[in-house]
């Protein structure tokens, strides 16, 4: 059974749970199964609306992880979280077999960084399981995406990408009301591209599907604010606030407690 997402009111906060030794921000911190489950439940207590579980790092220049290793990382964690909480769970993967395993363990959302491009079976799998599907934009692959990315007009190019990918997903049987769009901040983007995407979120809303923004702790924030990785939280929260103001419905973050406060305040101002 897929848990229904309710995104007709306040934006939803998606807590990041990296079960990897090498993620860019918290690689190795929550690598053990029990440690990961404990952190997920802490994020639930902090107000997370969704837990996003990932077993493969997709940081710039990262190598891929084998199917078996990825399943070994995520399956016991999803099972453990599901046994203790009814919170919606997202599986951050581009492999259809991982989605199948995660769904069997209790996941509700297939969060694919490739927008259904890396695995030809991904869209049909999400459709068959009636899962929500996050279509993200990436230029290239994690290994090469930051090698001189370039756009003439990043917003127009992403809108064209989403238009084609949504049509493809629907053709594979994914229900339109299950589709979520993620512009892919930091995934084959220059700093100026990331900034323009945040500024122009309203352009993507014209596509008729809710927008997910994942700005949390990313390198462009460090470059703009001249901050080291641990100090990117201020810029992250600023980007969350502006993303909500400009129409984002999902905010994928590492620090759920702080982001939830920002979302509540900005939403209150918008609804006042």
C-alpha atoms as a PDB file:
ATOM      1  CA  UNK A   1       0.000   0.000   0.000  1.00  0.00           C
ATOM      2  CA  UNK A   2       1.388   3.398  -0.997  1.00  0.00           C
ATOM      3  CA  UNK A   3       0.794   6.130   1.583  1.00  0.00           C
ATOM      4  CA  UNK A   4      -0.895   9.189   0.136  1.00  0.00           C
ATOM      5  CA  UNK A   5       0.959  12.494   0.144  1.00  0.00           C
ATOM      6  CA  UNK A   6      -1.055  15.562   1.079  1.00  0.00           C
ATOM      7  CA  UNK A   7       0.521  18.623  -0.507  1.00  0.00           C
ATOM      8  CA  UNK A   8      -2.442  20.962  -0.707  1.00  0.00           C
ATOM      9  CA  UNK A   9      -1.391  23.006   2.307  1.00  0.00           C
ATOM     10  CA  UNK A  10       1.983  23.739   3.870  1.00  0.00           C
ATOM     11  CA  UNK A  11       5.043  22.519   1.922  1.00  0.00           C
ATOM     12  CA  UNK A  12       6.452  19.159   2.973  1.00  0.00           C
ATOM     13  CA  UNK A  13       9.909  18.629   4.439  1.00  0.00           C
ATOM     14  CA  UNK A  14      11.815  15.581   3.202  1.00  0.00           C
ATOM     15  CA  UNK A  15      14.571  14.440   5.557  1.00  0.00           C
ATOM     16  CA  UNK A  16      17.716  13.088   3.898  1.00  0.00           C
ATOM     17  CA  UNK A  17      18.969   9.714   5.131  1.00  0.00           C
ATOM     18  CA  UNK A  18      22.250   8.764   3.434  1.00  0.00           C
ATOM     19  CA  UNK A  19      23.260   5.171   4.138  1.00  0.00           C
ATOM     20  CA  UNK A  20      26.624   5.490   2.430  1.00  0.00           C
ATOM     21  CA  UNK A  21      30.255   5.879   3.458  1.00  0.00           C
ATOM     22  CA  UNK A  22      30.901   8.684   0.983  1.00  0.00           C
ATOM     23  CA  UNK A  23      27.994  11.131   0.612  1.00  0.00           C
ATOM     24  CA  UNK A  24      29.174  14.724   0.219  1.00  0.00           C
ATOM     25  CA  UNK A  25      27.736  16.026   3.511  1.00  0.00           C
ATOM     26  CA  UNK A  26      27.279  13.227   6.028  1.00  0.00           C
ATOM     27  CA  UNK A  27      28.999  10.249   4.390  1.00  0.00           C
ATOM     28  CA  UNK A  28      29.476   7.465   6.917  1.00  0.00           C
ATOM     29  CA  UNK A  29      27.656   9.228   9.751  1.00  0.00           C
ATOM     30  CA  UNK A  30      24.532   7.065   9.443  1.00  0.00           C
ATOM     31  CA  UNK A  31      26.073   4.091   7.652  1.00  0.00           C
ATOM     32  CA  UNK A  32      25.065   1.403  10.149  1.00  0.00           C
ATOM     33  CA  UNK A  33      21.526   0.048  10.019  1.00  0.00           C
ATOM     34  CA  UNK A  34      20.532   0.821  13.600  1.00  0.00           C
ATOM     35  CA  UNK A  35      22.226   4.229  13.485  1.00  0.00           C
ATOM     36  CA  UNK A  36      20.350   5.059  10.283  1.00  0.00           C
ATOM     37  CA  UNK A  37      16.995   3.942  11.696  1.00  0.00           C
ATOM     38  CA  UNK A  38      17.605   5.988  14.858  1.00  0.00           C
ATOM     39  CA  UNK A  39      18.382   9.098  12.789  1.00  0.00           C
ATOM     40  CA  UNK A  40      15.280   8.591  10.633  1.00  0.00           C
ATOM     41  CA  UNK A  41      13.079   8.425  13.723  1.00  0.00           C
ATOM     42  CA  UNK A  42      14.781  11.537  15.102  1.00  0.00           C
ATOM     43  CA  UNK A  43      13.897  13.351  11.881  1.00  0.00           C
ATOM     44  CA  UNK A  44      10.297  12.197  12.266  1.00  0.00           C
ATOM     45  CA  UNK A  45      10.292  13.678  15.783  1.00  0.00           C
ATOM     46  CA  UNK A  46      11.761  16.897  14.357  1.00  0.00           C
ATOM     47  CA  UNK A  47       8.804  17.224  11.980  1.00  0.00           C
ATOM     48  CA  UNK A  48       9.850  15.467   8.778  1.00  0.00           C
ATOM     49  CA  UNK A  49       6.935  14.731   6.460  1.00  0.00           C
ATOM     50  CA  UNK A  50       8.926  12.236   4.356  1.00  0.00           C
ATOM     51  CA  UNK A  51      12.150  10.268   4.858  1.00  0.00           C
ATOM     52  CA  UNK A  52      14.316   9.972   1.740  1.00  0.00           C
ATOM     53  CA  UNK A  53      16.553   6.896   1.951  1.00  0.00           C
ATOM     54  CA  UNK A  54      19.596   6.593  -0.305  1.00  0.00           C
ATOM     55  CA  UNK A  55      22.148   3.807  -0.539  1.00  0.00           C
ATOM     56  CA  UNK A  56      24.400   5.247  -3.248  1.00  0.00           C
ATOM     57  CA  UNK A  57      26.249   8.545  -3.207  1.00  0.00           C
ATOM     58  CA  UNK A  58      25.510  10.748  -6.211  1.00  0.00           C
ATOM     59  CA  UNK A  59      27.910  13.539  -5.262  1.00  0.00           C
ATOM     60  CA  UNK A  60      29.979  14.992  -8.124  1.00  0.00           C
ATOM     61  CA  UNK A  61      32.602  12.569  -9.495  1.00  0.00           C
ATOM     62  CA  UNK A  62      31.240   9.612  -7.499  1.00  0.00           C
ATOM     63  CA  UNK A  63      31.376   6.016  -8.722  1.00  0.00           C
ATOM     64  CA  UNK A  64      28.297   3.821  -8.998  1.00  0.00           C
ATOM     65  CA  UNK A  65      27.344   1.228  -6.388  1.00  0.00           C
ATOM     66  CA  UNK A  66      26.427  -2.364  -7.254  1.00  0.00           C
ATOM     67  CA  UNK A  67      22.790  -3.434  -7.127  1.00  0.00           C
ATOM     68  CA  UNK A  68      23.384  -5.972  -4.351  1.00  0.00           C
ATOM     69  CA  UNK A  69      25.312  -3.522  -2.182  1.00  0.00           C
ATOM     70  CA  UNK A  70      22.684  -0.831  -2.579  1.00  0.00           C
ATOM     71  CA  UNK A  71      19.907  -3.257  -1.631  1.00  0.00           C
ATOM     72  CA  UNK A  72      21.906  -4.498   1.358  1.00  0.00           C
ATOM     73  CA  UNK A  73      22.216  -0.917   2.586  1.00  0.00           C
ATOM     74  CA  UNK A  74      18.643   0.304   2.165  1.00  0.00           C
ATOM     75  CA  UNK A  75      16.394  -2.704   2.721  1.00  0.00           C
ATOM     76  CA  UNK A  76      16.934  -3.262   6.478  1.00  0.00           C
ATOM     77  CA  UNK A  77      16.721   0.473   7.127  1.00  0.00           C
ATOM     78  CA  UNK A  78      13.422   0.901   5.276  1.00  0.00           C
ATOM     79  CA  UNK A  79      12.040  -2.172   7.020  1.00  0.00           C
ATOM     80  CA  UNK A  80      13.187  -0.833  10.389  1.00  0.00           C
ATOM     81  CA  UNK A  81      11.711   2.627   9.862  1.00  0.00           C
ATOM     82  CA  UNK A  82       8.454   1.181   8.545  1.00  0.00           C
ATOM     83  CA  UNK A  83       8.141  -1.102  11.576  1.00  0.00           C
ATOM     84  CA  UNK A  84       8.328   1.938  13.858  1.00  0.00           C
ATOM     85  CA  UNK A  85       6.614   4.682  11.837  1.00  0.00           C
ATOM     86  CA  UNK A  86       3.932   5.213   9.216  1.00  0.00           C
ATOM     87  CA  UNK A  87       5.752   8.187   7.678  1.00  0.00           C
ATOM     88  CA  UNK A  88       5.978   8.164   3.851  1.00  0.00           C
ATOM     89  CA  UNK A  89       9.359   6.844   2.701  1.00  0.00           C
ATOM     90  CA  UNK A  90      11.159   7.766  -0.493  1.00  0.00           C
ATOM     91  CA  UNK A  91      13.854   5.609  -2.090  1.00  0.00           C
ATOM     92  CA  UNK A  92      16.586   7.679  -3.743  1.00  0.00           C
ATOM     93  CA  UNK A  93      17.792   5.455  -6.588  1.00  0.00           C
ATOM     94  CA  UNK A  94      17.892   5.156 -10.358  1.00  0.00           C
ATOM     95  CA  UNK A  95      17.666   1.338 -10.327  1.00  0.00           C
ATOM     96  CA  UNK A  96      14.291  -0.322 -10.883  1.00  0.00           C
ATOM     97  CA  UNK A  97      15.243  -3.397  -8.865  1.00  0.00           C
ATOM     98  CA  UNK A  98      16.087  -1.241  -5.862  1.00  0.00           C
ATOM     99  CA  UNK A  99      12.672   0.415  -6.185  1.00  0.00           C
ATOM    100  CA  UNK A 100      11.005  -3.008  -6.217  1.00  0.00           C
ATOM    101  CA  UNK A 101      12.846  -4.085  -3.087  1.00  0.00           C
ATOM    102  CA  UNK A 102      12.240  -0.774  -1.335  1.00  0.00           C
ATOM    103  CA  UNK A 103       8.525  -0.867  -2.136  1.00  0.00           C
ATOM    104  CA  UNK A 104       8.271  -4.375  -0.714  1.00  0.00           C
ATOM    105  CA  UNK A 105       9.963  -3.082   2.446  1.00  0.00           C
ATOM    106  CA  UNK A 106       7.541  -0.158   2.736  1.00  0.00           C
ATOM    107  CA  UNK A 107       8.667   2.705   0.462  1.00  0.00           C
ATOM    108  CA  UNK A 108       6.101   4.924  -1.249  1.00  0.00           C
ATOM    109  CA  UNK A 109       8.107   7.214  -3.545  1.00  0.00           C
ATOM    110  CA  UNK A 110      10.627   6.448  -6.301  1.00  0.00           C
ATOM    111  CA  UNK A 111      13.074   9.373  -6.338  1.00  0.00           C
ATOM    112  CA  UNK A 112      15.092   9.010  -9.562  1.00  0.00           C
ATOM    113  CA  UNK A 113      17.945  11.474 -10.148  1.00  0.00           C
ATOM    114  CA  UNK A 114      18.019  10.504 -13.831  1.00  0.00           C
ATOM    115  CA  UNK A 115      14.399  11.309 -14.640  1.00  0.00           C
ATOM    116  CA  UNK A 116      13.857   7.697 -15.832  1.00  0.00           C
ATOM    117  CA  UNK A 117      16.829   7.835 -18.211  1.00  0.00           C
ATOM    118  CA  UNK A 118      19.424   5.530 -16.596  1.00  0.00           C
ATOM    119  CA  UNK A 119      17.232   2.423 -16.190  1.00  0.00           C
ATOM    120  CA  UNK A 120      14.705   1.696 -18.978  1.00  0.00           C
ATOM    121  CA  UNK A 121      12.496  -0.238 -16.540  1.00  0.00           C
ATOM    122  CA  UNK A 122      12.217   2.472 -13.894  1.00  0.00           C
ATOM    123  CA  UNK A 123       9.094   4.301 -15.078  1.00  0.00           C
ATOM    124  CA  UNK A 124       7.145   1.110 -15.758  1.00  0.00           C
ATOM    125  CA  UNK A 125       8.185  -0.219 -12.339  1.00  0.00           C
ATOM    126  CA  UNK A 126       6.961   2.901 -10.546  1.00  0.00           C
ATOM    127  CA  UNK A 127       3.714   2.676 -12.519  1.00  0.00           C
ATOM    128  CA  UNK A 128       3.198  -1.006 -11.758  1.00  0.00           C
ATOM    129  CA  UNK A 129       3.698  -0.377  -8.041  1.00  0.00           C
ATOM    130  CA  UNK A 130       1.543   2.793  -8.160  1.00  0.00           C
ATOM    131  CA  UNK A 131       4.303   4.753  -6.421  1.00  0.00           C
ATOM    132  CA  UNK A 132       4.855   8.481  -6.471  1.00  0.00           C
ATOM    133  CA  UNK A 133       7.666   9.335  -8.861  1.00  0.00           C
ATOM    134  CA  UNK A 134      10.191  12.169  -8.583  1.00  0.00           C
ATOM    135  CA  UNK A 135      11.548  13.094 -12.013  1.00  0.00           C
ATOM    136  CA  UNK A 136      14.819  14.948 -11.505  1.00  0.00           C
ATOM    137  CA  UNK A 137      16.959  16.697 -14.104  1.00  0.00           C
ATOM    138  CA  UNK A 138      20.635  15.849 -14.383  1.00  0.00           C
ATOM    139  CA  UNK A 139      23.101  16.740 -17.132  1.00  0.00           C
ATOM    140  CA  UNK A 140      25.359  13.726 -17.608  1.00  0.00           C
ATOM    141  CA  UNK A 141      25.989  11.307 -14.746  1.00  0.00           C
ATOM    142  CA  UNK A 142      27.215  11.883 -11.183  1.00  0.00           C
ATOM    143  CA  UNK A 143      30.736  10.990 -12.350  1.00  0.00           C
ATOM    144  CA  UNK A 144      30.889  13.665 -15.066  1.00  0.00           C
ATOM    145  CA  UNK A 145      28.006  16.102 -14.428  1.00  0.00           C
ATOM    146  CA  UNK A 146      30.203  18.904 -13.080  1.00  0.00           C
ATOM    147  CA  UNK A 147      32.719  18.820 -15.918  1.00  0.00           C
ATOM    148  CA  UNK A 148      31.936  22.195 -17.524  1.00  0.00           C
ATOM    149  CA  UNK A 149      28.106  22.077 -17.653  1.00  0.00           C
ATOM    150  CA  UNK A 150      26.585  24.735 -19.893  1.00  0.00           C
ATOM    151  CA  UNK A 151      23.119  26.042 -20.739  1.00  0.00           C
ATOM    152  CA  UNK A 152      21.914  28.739 -23.096  1.00  0.00           C
ATOM    153  CA  UNK A 153      18.781  29.144 -20.938  1.00  0.00           C
ATOM    154  CA  UNK A 154      18.637  26.731 -18.023  1.00  0.00           C
ATOM    155  CA  UNK A 155      14.955  27.336 -17.197  1.00  0.00           C
ATOM    156  CA  UNK A 156      13.736  26.826 -20.757  1.00  0.00           C
ATOM    157  CA  UNK A 157      15.902  23.737 -21.216  1.00  0.00           C
ATOM    158  CA  UNK A 158      14.665  22.187 -17.972  1.00  0.00           C
ATOM    159  CA  UNK A 159      11.041  22.924 -18.857  1.00  0.00           C
ATOM    160  CA  UNK A 160      11.508  21.166 -22.198  1.00  0.00           C
ATOM    161  CA  UNK A 161      13.141  18.221 -20.403  1.00  0.00           C
ATOM    162  CA  UNK A 162      10.283  17.926 -17.924  1.00  0.00           C
ATOM    163  CA  UNK A 163       7.641  18.186 -20.627  1.00  0.00           C
ATOM    164  CA  UNK A 164       9.200  15.266 -22.493  1.00  0.00           C
ATOM    165  CA  UNK A 165       9.877  13.195 -19.365  1.00  0.00           C
ATOM    166  CA  UNK A 166       6.365  13.637 -17.964  1.00  0.00           C
ATOM    167  CA  UNK A 167       4.922  12.531 -21.307  1.00  0.00           C
ATOM    168  CA  UNK A 168       7.237   9.507 -21.266  1.00  0.00           C
ATOM    169  CA  UNK A 169       6.305   8.599 -17.690  1.00  0.00           C
ATOM    170  CA  UNK A 170       2.596   8.847 -18.430  1.00  0.00           C
ATOM    171  CA  UNK A 171       3.138   6.699 -21.508  1.00  0.00           C
ATOM    172  CA  UNK A 172       4.680   4.063 -19.237  1.00  0.00           C
ATOM    173  CA  UNK A 173       1.626   4.158 -16.987  1.00  0.00           C
ATOM    174  CA  UNK A 174       2.693   6.559 -14.230  1.00  0.00           C
ATOM    175  CA  UNK A 175      -0.327   8.536 -13.057  1.00  0.00           C
ATOM    176  CA  UNK A 176       0.098  12.260 -13.605  1.00  0.00           C
ATOM    177  CA  UNK A 177      -1.075  12.980 -10.075  1.00  0.00           C
ATOM    178  CA  UNK A 178       1.820  10.825  -8.793  1.00  0.00           C
ATOM    179  CA  UNK A 179       4.526  12.860 -10.581  1.00  0.00           C
ATOM    180  CA  UNK A 180       6.809  15.330  -8.771  1.00  0.00           C
ATOM    181  CA  UNK A 181       9.446  17.450 -10.548  1.00  0.00           C
ATOM    182  CA  UNK A 182      12.939  18.219  -9.217  1.00  0.00           C
ATOM    183  CA  UNK A 183      15.128  20.695 -11.156  1.00  0.00           C
ATOM    184  CA  UNK A 184      18.241  18.975  -9.817  1.00  0.00           C
ATOM    185  CA  UNK A 185      20.133  21.719  -8.002  1.00  0.00           C
ATOM    186  CA  UNK A 186      23.846  20.913  -8.233  1.00  0.00           C
ATOM    187  CA  UNK A 187      23.410  18.077 -10.719  1.00  0.00           C
ATOM    188  CA  UNK A 188      25.225  19.339 -13.796  1.00  0.00           C
ATOM    189  CA  UNK A 189      24.608  22.998 -12.953  1.00  0.00           C
ATOM    190  CA  UNK A 190      26.816  26.045 -12.551  1.00  0.00           C
ATOM    191  CA  UNK A 191      26.347  28.391  -9.603  1.00  0.00           C
ATOM    192  CA  UNK A 192      24.466  30.870 -11.800  1.00  0.00           C
ATOM    193  CA  UNK A 193      22.185  28.063 -13.008  1.00  0.00           C
ATOM    194  CA  UNK A 194      21.324  27.017  -9.456  1.00  0.00           C
ATOM    195  CA  UNK A 195      20.550  30.592  -8.454  1.00  0.00           C
ATOM    196  CA  UNK A 196      18.351  31.194 -11.487  1.00  0.00           C
ATOM    197  CA  UNK A 197      16.410  27.966 -10.912  1.00  0.00           C
ATOM    198  CA  UNK A 198      15.609  28.992  -7.321  1.00  0.00           C
ATOM    199  CA  UNK A 199      14.571  32.451  -8.492  1.00  0.00           C
ATOM    200  CA  UNK A 200      12.375  31.084 -11.289  1.00  0.00           C
ATOM    201  CA  UNK A 201      10.577  28.178  -9.582  1.00  0.00           C
ATOM    202  CA  UNK A 202       7.306  29.733 -10.680  1.00  0.00           C
ATOM    203  CA  UNK A 203       8.200  28.913 -14.288  1.00  0.00           C
ATOM    204  CA  UNK A 204       8.235  25.199 -13.482  1.00  0.00           C
ATOM    205  CA  UNK A 205       4.880  25.406 -11.713  1.00  0.00           C
ATOM    206  CA  UNK A 206       3.397  26.103 -15.148  1.00  0.00           C
ATOM    207  CA  UNK A 207       3.963  22.404 -15.890  1.00  0.00           C
ATOM    208  CA  UNK A 208       1.190  21.557 -13.442  1.00  0.00           C
ATOM    209  CA  UNK A 209       3.130  19.286 -11.103  1.00  0.00           C
ATOM    210  CA  UNK A 210       4.530  20.008  -7.615  1.00  0.00           C
ATOM    211  CA  UNK A 211       8.172  21.045  -7.421  1.00  0.00           C
ATOM    212  CA  UNK A 212      10.785  19.487  -5.144  1.00  0.00           C
ATOM    213  CA  UNK A 213      13.875  21.525  -4.281  1.00  0.00           C
ATOM    214  CA  UNK A 214      17.063  19.983  -2.928  1.00  0.00           C
ATOM    215  CA  UNK A 215      19.446  22.830  -2.117  1.00  0.00           C
ATOM    216  CA  UNK A 216      20.604  21.568   1.260  1.00  0.00           C
ATOM    217  CA  UNK A 217      24.300  22.189   2.076  1.00  0.00           C
ATOM    218  CA  UNK A 218      25.337  22.147  -1.575  1.00  0.00           C
ATOM    219  CA  UNK A 219      28.544  23.580  -2.977  1.00  0.00           C
ATOM    220  CA  UNK A 220      27.003  26.601  -4.681  1.00  0.00           C
ATOM    221  CA  UNK A 221      25.891  27.853  -1.259  1.00  0.00           C
ATOM    222  CA  UNK A 222      29.467  27.624  -0.030  1.00  0.00           C
ATOM    223  CA  UNK A 223      30.743  29.500  -3.065  1.00  0.00           C
ATOM    224  CA  UNK A 224      28.212  32.322  -2.784  1.00  0.00           C
ATOM    225  CA  UNK A 225      28.479  32.723   1.004  1.00  0.00           C
ATOM    226  CA  UNK A 226      32.200  31.876   1.202  1.00  0.00           C
ATOM    227  CA  UNK A 227      31.400  29.193   3.770  1.00  0.00           C
ATOM    228  CA  UNK A 228      32.911  25.835   4.567  1.00  0.00           C
ATOM    229  CA  UNK A 229      30.677  22.762   4.418  1.00  0.00           C
ATOM    230  CA  UNK A 230      29.581  22.822   8.101  1.00  0.00           C
ATOM    231  CA  UNK A 231      28.685  26.513   7.804  1.00  0.00           C
ATOM    232  CA  UNK A 232      26.380  26.199   4.797  1.00  0.00           C
ATOM    233  CA  UNK A 233      23.305  25.833   7.012  1.00  0.00           C
ATOM    234  CA  UNK A 234      22.537  29.576   6.972  1.00  0.00           C
ATOM    235  CA  UNK A 235      22.569  29.693   3.186  1.00  0.00           C
ATOM    236  CA  UNK A 236      20.602  26.459   3.072  1.00  0.00           C
ATOM    237  CA  UNK A 237      17.829  27.911   5.211  1.00  0.00           C
ATOM    238  CA  UNK A 238      17.769  31.070   3.099  1.00  0.00           C
ATOM    239  CA  UNK A 239      17.384  28.951  -0.033  1.00  0.00           C
ATOM    240  CA  UNK A 240      14.606  26.946   1.629  1.00  0.00           C
ATOM    241  CA  UNK A 241      12.743  30.145   2.520  1.00  0.00           C
ATOM    242  CA  UNK A 242      13.016  31.552  -0.994  1.00  0.00           C
ATOM    243  CA  UNK A 243      12.086  28.203  -2.530  1.00  0.00           C
ATOM    244  CA  UNK A 244       8.906  28.052  -0.457  1.00  0.00           C
ATOM    245  CA  UNK A 245       8.085  31.682  -1.287  1.00  0.00           C
ATOM    246  CA  UNK A 246       8.527  30.944  -4.998  1.00  0.00           C
ATOM    247  CA  UNK A 247       6.282  27.890  -4.925  1.00  0.00           C
ATOM    248  CA  UNK A 248       8.229  24.768  -3.985  1.00  0.00           C
ATOM    249  CA  UNK A 249       6.071  22.062  -2.434  1.00  0.00           C
ATOM    250  CA  UNK A 250       8.795  19.661  -1.245  1.00  0.00           C
ATOM    251  CA  UNK A 251      12.043  20.666   0.477  1.00  0.00           C
ATOM    252  CA  UNK A 252      14.748  17.987   0.696  1.00  0.00           C
ATOM    253  CA  UNK A 253      17.006  18.838   3.651  1.00  0.00           C
ATOM    254  CA  UNK A 254      19.553  17.449   6.089  1.00  0.00           C
ATOM    255  CA  UNK A 255      18.561  19.543   9.130  1.00  0.00           C
ATOM    256  CA  UNK A 256      14.839  18.870   9.421  1.00  0.00           C
ATOM    257  CA  UNK A 257      14.229  20.785  12.649  1.00  0.00           C
ATOM    258  CA  UNK A 258      15.620  24.084  11.363  1.00  0.00           C
ATOM    259  CA  UNK A 259      14.076  23.735   7.895  1.00  0.00           C
ATOM    260  CA  UNK A 260      10.661  22.908   9.347  1.00  0.00           C
ATOM    261  CA  UNK A 261      10.691  26.140  11.346  1.00  0.00           C
ATOM    262  CA  UNK A 262      11.545  28.129   8.225  1.00  0.00           C
ATOM    263  CA  UNK A 263       8.794  26.446   6.209  1.00  0.00           C
ATOM    264  CA  UNK A 264       6.218  27.141   8.929  1.00  0.00           C
ATOM    265  CA  UNK A 265       7.124  30.814   9.144  1.00  0.00           C
ATOM    266  CA  UNK A 266       7.246  31.469   5.402  1.00  0.00           C
ATOM    267  CA  UNK A 267       3.960  29.603   4.936  1.00  0.00           C
ATOM    268  CA  UNK A 268       2.356  31.660   7.691  1.00  0.00           C
ATOM    269  CA  UNK A 269       3.493  34.885   6.045  1.00  0.00           C
ATOM    270  CA  UNK A 270       2.236  33.737   2.647  1.00  0.00           C
ATOM    271  CA  UNK A 271      -1.146  32.742   4.091  1.00  0.00           C
ATOM    272  CA  UNK A 272      -1.578  35.848   6.250  1.00  0.00           C
END
